[in-house]
Amino acid sequence: MAKPLKVAKTAPRKKRLSPAEQARIAEIFRRFEEQESDPRTELDYASPFTLVVAVALSAQATDVSVNKATDKLFKVADTPQEMLALGEEGLKPFISSIGLYNMKAKNVIALSRILVEQYGGEVPLNREALQALPGVGRKTASVVLNELRIEPAIAVDTHVFRVSHRLGLSTGKTPEQVEAELMAVIPDPLKTRAHHWLILHGRYVCLARRPKCEECVVADLCPSRNLFVASSPPAQSRGRG
């Protein structure tokens, strides 16, 4: 998962969209839906607990690196009880290839202890309780709740931040502002999937330095396209990305 951005406390002004702009935004997400109707996180998980752990480990790390680590880890410890038994020192070798692994090991063991002692080994699937767990902030809670289809949420990482601005979906200067603006303009039926569509688009097509506009299914709807290409026909379809 891409590195999260710092969150500010100020909220953006709500934008009033014209019918034409509403139609443009709806068409952007209609095309994303046509490409992939049920997008999911690329992190490997088998339960709410393993999802929380994987997302917590993914901060400032790639999903690929996290999956390599958890592939071995979850075979040994995939419940809070087993993770607690493994202990901080036992956990570190499994995640030592991931950035900030010392702090992450401390947090994973601490949150496992809370789950065992306060929640009977179950993950509380509400925002307030999730965000109170060590190493689980708003962004991680949003990913978990959205992935499990419990609460529509958009976790704004660098990919979502970049794509939202390039597509003209947000002008927010902070992740919190971008999140609020996206939640205001994205059609309700699409909100649980929008997070994944924007991340995948930023990860594989709308790259930071050289976006692949020639492969972009929404290139003709993108106000930033002329910044990167003089002219090229919009792509008709593509695979995941």
Protein backbone atom coordinates (compact mmCIF):
# COMPACT_ATOMS: atom_id res chain seq x y z
CA MET A 1 0.00 0.00 0.00
CA ALA A 2 1.23 3.45 -0.84
CA LYS A 3 2.50 5.74 1.91
CA PRO A 4 -0.36 7.57 3.65
CA LEU A 5 -0.40 11.34 3.69
CA LYS A 6 -0.72 13.53 6.77
CA VAL A 7 -4.27 14.41 7.70
CA ALA A 8 -5.31 17.97 8.48
CA LYS A 9 -8.36 18.97 10.50
CA THR A 10 -9.95 21.44 8.13
CA ALA A 11 -12.79 20.30 5.88
CA PRO A 12 -13.32 21.54 2.32
CA ARG A 13 -16.24 23.51 1.09
CA LYS A 14 -18.90 21.38 -0.53
CA LYS A 15 -19.02 21.77 -4.28
CA ARG A 16 -22.25 22.17 -6.21
CA LEU A 17 -21.89 20.17 -9.40
CA SER A 18 -23.49 21.06 -12.69
CA PRO A 19 -25.55 18.38 -14.46
CA ALA A 20 -22.75 18.03 -17.01
CA GLU A 21 -20.15 17.48 -14.29
CA GLN A 22 -22.37 14.98 -12.52
CA ALA A 23 -22.72 13.09 -15.79
CA ARG A 24 -18.94 13.16 -16.38
CA ILE A 25 -18.21 11.75 -12.93
CA ALA A 26 -20.89 9.11 -13.26
CA GLU A 27 -19.41 8.05 -16.61
CA ILE A 28 -15.90 7.80 -15.14
CA PHE A 29 -17.06 5.35 -12.53
CA ARG A 30 -19.36 3.52 -14.94
CA ARG A 31 -16.30 2.74 -17.06
CA PHE A 32 -14.30 1.65 -14.02
CA GLU A 33 -17.19 -0.63 -13.07
CA GLU A 34 -17.35 -2.01 -16.59
CA GLN A 35 -13.68 -2.93 -16.33
CA GLU A 36 -13.89 -4.57 -12.93
CA SER A 37 -17.28 -4.89 -11.25
CA ASP A 38 -16.08 -6.11 -7.86
CA PRO A 39 -12.60 -4.73 -7.12
CA ARG A 40 -10.91 -5.86 -3.94
CA THR A 41 -7.74 -5.14 -2.03
CA GLU A 42 -4.62 -6.81 -3.37
CA LEU A 43 -3.60 -7.72 0.17
CA ASP A 44 -4.07 -11.40 1.02
CA TYR A 45 -6.35 -12.11 3.97
CA ALA A 46 -8.78 -14.77 5.16
CA SER A 47 -10.53 -13.11 8.11
CA PRO A 48 -11.14 -9.67 9.63
CA PHE A 49 -8.12 -10.22 11.88
CA THR A 50 -5.71 -11.09 9.07
CA LEU A 51 -7.09 -8.14 7.08
CA VAL A 52 -6.43 -5.72 9.96
CA VAL A 53 -2.90 -7.08 10.36
CA ALA A 54 -2.16 -6.97 6.63
CA VAL A 55 -3.42 -3.40 6.27
CA ALA A 56 -1.50 -2.28 9.36
CA LEU A 57 1.68 -3.85 7.96
CA SER A 58 1.16 -2.20 4.57
CA ALA A 59 1.78 1.34 5.80
CA GLN A 60 4.81 2.65 3.87
CA ALA A 61 5.17 -0.73 2.18
CA THR A 62 3.88 -2.34 -1.01
CA ASP A 63 1.10 -4.90 -1.03
CA VAL A 64 3.47 -7.32 -2.76
CA SER A 65 6.02 -7.13 0.06
CA VAL A 66 3.31 -7.54 2.70
CA ASN A 67 1.83 -10.56 0.95
CA LYS A 68 5.23 -12.24 0.81
CA ALA A 69 5.61 -11.77 4.55
CA THR A 70 2.08 -12.74 5.57
CA ASP A 71 2.11 -15.83 3.36
CA LYS A 72 4.43 -17.41 5.94
CA LEU A 73 3.19 -15.51 8.97
CA PHE A 74 -0.48 -16.44 8.67
CA LYS A 75 0.41 -20.13 8.39
CA VAL A 76 1.81 -19.84 11.90
CA ALA A 77 -0.45 -17.20 13.44
CA ASP A 78 -3.75 -16.15 11.89
CA THR A 79 -5.71 -15.45 15.08
CA PRO A 80 -5.13 -12.94 17.87
CA GLN A 81 -4.43 -15.78 20.29
CA GLU A 82 -1.77 -17.32 18.05
CA MET A 83 -0.23 -13.92 17.31
CA LEU A 84 -0.05 -13.14 21.01
CA ALA A 85 1.59 -16.51 21.66
CA LEU A 86 4.13 -15.79 18.92
CA GLY A 87 5.13 -12.59 20.70
CA GLU A 88 6.89 -9.52 19.47
CA GLU A 89 10.30 -11.16 19.07
CA GLY A 90 8.74 -14.15 17.35
CA LEU A 91 6.85 -11.94 14.95
CA LYS A 92 9.76 -9.77 13.84
CA PRO A 93 11.54 -12.37 11.67
CA PHE A 94 8.38 -12.84 9.61
CA ILE A 95 8.02 -9.12 8.84
CA SER A 96 11.64 -7.94 8.90
CA SER A 97 11.54 -7.32 5.13
CA ILE A 98 8.82 -4.70 5.63
CA GLY A 99 9.60 -1.10 6.53
CA LEU A 100 9.20 -0.03 10.17
CA TYR A 101 8.87 -3.67 11.18
CA ASN A 102 9.93 -3.09 14.81
CA MET A 103 7.10 -0.65 15.48
CA LYS A 104 4.66 -2.73 13.45
CA ALA A 105 5.51 -5.85 15.44
CA LYS A 106 4.90 -3.95 18.65
CA ASN A 107 1.53 -2.71 17.40
CA VAL A 108 0.36 -6.07 16.06
CA ILE A 109 1.08 -7.79 19.36
CA ALA A 110 -0.54 -4.95 21.31
CA LEU A 111 -3.69 -4.99 19.21
CA SER A 112 -3.83 -8.80 19.44
CA ARG A 113 -3.70 -8.54 23.23
CA ILE A 114 -6.58 -6.05 23.24
CA LEU A 115 -8.64 -8.27 20.96
CA VAL A 116 -8.12 -11.27 23.22
CA GLU A 117 -8.64 -9.45 26.51
CA GLN A 118 -11.45 -7.09 25.52
CA TYR A 119 -13.22 -8.63 22.53
CA GLY A 120 -12.95 -12.38 23.00
CA GLY A 121 -10.53 -12.67 20.11
CA GLU A 122 -12.91 -11.03 17.63
CA VAL A 123 -12.25 -7.86 15.65
CA PRO A 124 -14.74 -5.10 16.51
CA LEU A 125 -16.13 -3.99 13.19
CA ASN A 126 -16.98 -0.40 13.98
CA ARG A 127 -14.85 2.65 13.29
CA GLU A 128 -14.42 3.92 16.84
CA ALA A 129 -13.23 0.60 18.23
CA LEU A 130 -10.99 -0.13 15.25
CA GLN A 131 -9.28 3.25 15.38
CA ALA A 132 -8.58 2.73 19.07
CA LEU A 133 -6.40 -0.31 18.31
CA PRO A 134 -2.61 0.24 18.27
CA GLY A 135 -1.35 0.94 14.77
CA VAL A 136 -4.86 1.31 13.35
CA GLY A 137 -5.69 4.88 12.38
CA ARG A 138 -8.47 6.32 10.27
CA LYS A 139 -6.96 5.15 6.98
CA THR A 140 -6.53 1.54 8.12
CA ALA A 141 -10.01 1.46 9.63
CA SER A 142 -11.46 2.84 6.40
CA VAL A 143 -9.75 0.15 4.33
CA VAL A 144 -11.00 -2.62 6.63
CA LEU A 145 -14.59 -1.38 6.88
CA ASN A 146 -14.80 -0.71 3.16
CA GLU A 147 -13.21 -4.02 2.12
CA LEU A 148 -15.64 -5.95 4.32
CA ARG A 149 -18.53 -3.90 2.89
CA ILE A 150 -19.49 -2.66 6.35
CA GLU A 151 -19.14 1.06 5.71
CA PRO A 152 -18.56 2.94 2.45
CA ALA A 153 -15.21 4.63 2.94
CA ILE A 154 -12.40 6.05 0.83
CA ALA A 155 -8.92 5.78 2.30
CA VAL A 156 -6.83 8.45 0.63
CA ASP A 157 -3.29 7.33 -0.06
CA THR A 158 -0.90 8.86 -2.59
CA HIS A 159 -2.57 7.02 -5.49
CA VAL A 160 -6.09 8.18 -4.61
CA PHE A 161 -4.83 11.71 -3.93
CA ARG A 162 -3.10 11.93 -7.31
CA VAL A 163 -5.86 10.37 -9.41
CA SER A 164 -8.59 12.41 -7.74
CA HIS A 165 -6.83 15.64 -8.64
CA ARG A 166 -5.96 14.62 -12.18
CA LEU A 167 -9.53 13.52 -12.90
CA GLY A 168 -10.90 16.72 -11.40
CA LEU A 169 -12.80 14.85 -8.70
CA SER A 170 -11.24 16.90 -5.91
CA THR A 171 -9.21 20.02 -5.31
CA GLY A 172 -8.58 19.23 -1.64
CA LYS A 173 -5.13 19.96 -0.29
CA THR A 174 -5.18 17.26 2.40
CA PRO A 175 -6.26 13.61 2.45
CA GLU A 176 -9.14 14.51 4.74
CA GLN A 177 -10.39 17.14 2.31
CA VAL A 178 -10.03 14.80 -0.66
CA GLU A 179 -11.91 12.07 1.19
CA ALA A 180 -14.79 14.43 2.01
CA GLU A 181 -15.01 15.70 -1.57
CA LEU A 182 -14.94 12.20 -3.06
CA MET A 183 -17.67 11.02 -0.71
CA ALA A 184 -19.74 14.01 -1.82
CA VAL A 185 -19.42 13.52 -5.59
CA ILE A 186 -19.26 9.75 -6.09
CA PRO A 187 -22.68 8.13 -6.62
CA ASP A 188 -23.81 6.22 -3.51
CA PRO A 189 -24.05 2.75 -5.14
CA LEU A 190 -20.38 2.99 -6.17
CA LYS A 191 -18.79 4.30 -2.98
CA THR A 192 -17.71 0.94 -1.55
CA ARG A 193 -15.81 0.16 -4.75
CA ALA A 194 -14.51 3.62 -5.67
CA HIS A 195 -11.60 3.34 -3.24
CA HIS A 196 -10.24 0.29 -5.05
CA TRP A 197 -10.87 1.65 -8.54
CA LEU A 198 -8.93 4.83 -7.79
CA ILE A 199 -6.03 2.95 -6.17
CA LEU A 200 -5.75 0.44 -9.01
CA HIS A 201 -5.96 3.19 -11.61
CA GLY A 202 -3.18 5.11 -9.88
CA ARG A 203 -1.07 2.01 -9.32
CA TYR A 204 -1.15 0.69 -12.89
CA VAL A 205 -2.23 3.45 -15.29
CA CYS A 206 -2.21 6.96 -13.86
CA LEU A 207 1.37 6.74 -12.68
CA ALA A 208 3.01 9.61 -10.83
CA ARG A 209 5.72 10.48 -13.36
CA ARG A 210 4.51 9.09 -16.67
CA PRO A 211 0.82 8.23 -16.69
CA LYS A 212 -0.23 5.75 -19.37
CA CYS A 213 -2.84 7.99 -20.95
CA GLU A 214 -2.88 5.86 -24.09
CA GLU A 215 -4.14 2.94 -21.97
CA CYS A 216 -6.56 4.96 -19.87
CA VAL A 217 -10.21 4.07 -20.25
CA VAL A 218 -11.28 7.53 -19.04
CA ALA A 219 -8.68 9.59 -20.91
CA ASP A 220 -11.30 11.52 -22.87
CA LEU A 221 -12.97 12.51 -19.59
CA CYS A 222 -9.76 13.62 -17.89
CA PRO A 223 -9.06 17.38 -17.65
CA SER A 224 -5.36 16.68 -17.03
CA ARG A 225 -4.79 14.59 -20.13
CA ASN A 226 -3.35 17.44 -22.21
CA LEU A 227 -0.63 17.93 -19.62
CA PHE A 228 0.84 14.58 -20.58
CA VAL A 229 -0.09 13.91 -24.20
CA ALA A 230 -0.77 16.19 -27.14
CA SER A 231 -3.46 13.97 -28.62
CA SER A 232 -4.26 10.27 -28.66
CA PRO A 233 -7.50 8.31 -28.99
CA PRO A 234 -8.98 7.07 -25.70
CA ALA A 235 -8.47 3.40 -24.95
CA GLN A 236 -11.55 1.24 -25.30
CA SER A 237 -10.65 -1.30 -22.65
CA ARG A 238 -7.85 -2.64 -20.53
CA GLY A 239 -7.19 -5.20 -17.84
CA ARG A 240 -6.74 -4.54 -14.12
CA GLY A 241 -4.94 -1.30 -13.51
